[in-house]
């Protein structure tokens, strides 16, 4: 019980002190001078108030500072959200502009296929395991699409129709071509005659198309453009395929082989054109191993 009595005594002293200070305050209202005992009591009261008020003021200041920090944090989060939304709109706008540009390109390209009835299509599926081999588009037999029809983008040839369903088709990309899939081509020379060759595969190591069957005496230069010849009637003529990147003799030294940088992006494909053969187009058939 001693602690209880001590606490009670302290409280009594504090109450008495407050009462004395209050009485002194009332007694000083009409007097200009203060006695020494009154000065002592007033100073003591000031010190006591300072001792009690200092931590209280510190707590109040700390609370206000915390509230300010919290308000700044909330404002920062709101600004971050608006910034993310703004950045999202920028990206969306860029994607729309890119898509519009691609669509304008495919429309312009389709207008140039006078001998064929172009069918515009959109890529709807692409397997991650066969990313460089094939894509699926949203046009099929009901739209006049048939097997082996050429498929292009605004930049050039990307492949051919491998199979069709009623409303969808699978496109075999040039990067998935092998020796059994050949395209007769011309290397366009700035000087001299064009040089004939066959796109007969894809070199995975270099990411280039392989143009074989080139006359050993033919002179090719880096940067020469390669286009489809149109021989065989399967692929339209003058479709951009790519440009010569490297020329070398074949392993037997009988012909030359060139590595061709594809004109079209075979990695990112969204909108394509299928060169559908019209009734006026004469299919002259496939000549031997060309365009098989």
Foldseek 3Di string as FASTA:
>chain_A
DVVVVVVVVVVVVVVVLVVVLVVLVVVCPPPDDDDPVNVVSVVVVVVVCCVVVVVVVVVVVVVVVVVVVVVVVVVVVVVVVVVVVVVVVVVVVVVVVVVVVQVVLQVVVQVPLVQFNKDKWWFDDADPVCLLFKTKTFAFVCNQFDFLFWKATSQFTFFTFHDGDHGMTMTTGQQNFAQQAKFWKWFDDPDDDIWIWIQHHADPVVRFTKTWPTALPDDFDWFGWMWGCCPQVRYHTGTTFFTFHDKDADPVNGHIMTTGDGRDDSNDGTMMMTGRRDPPRDRPHADDSHRD
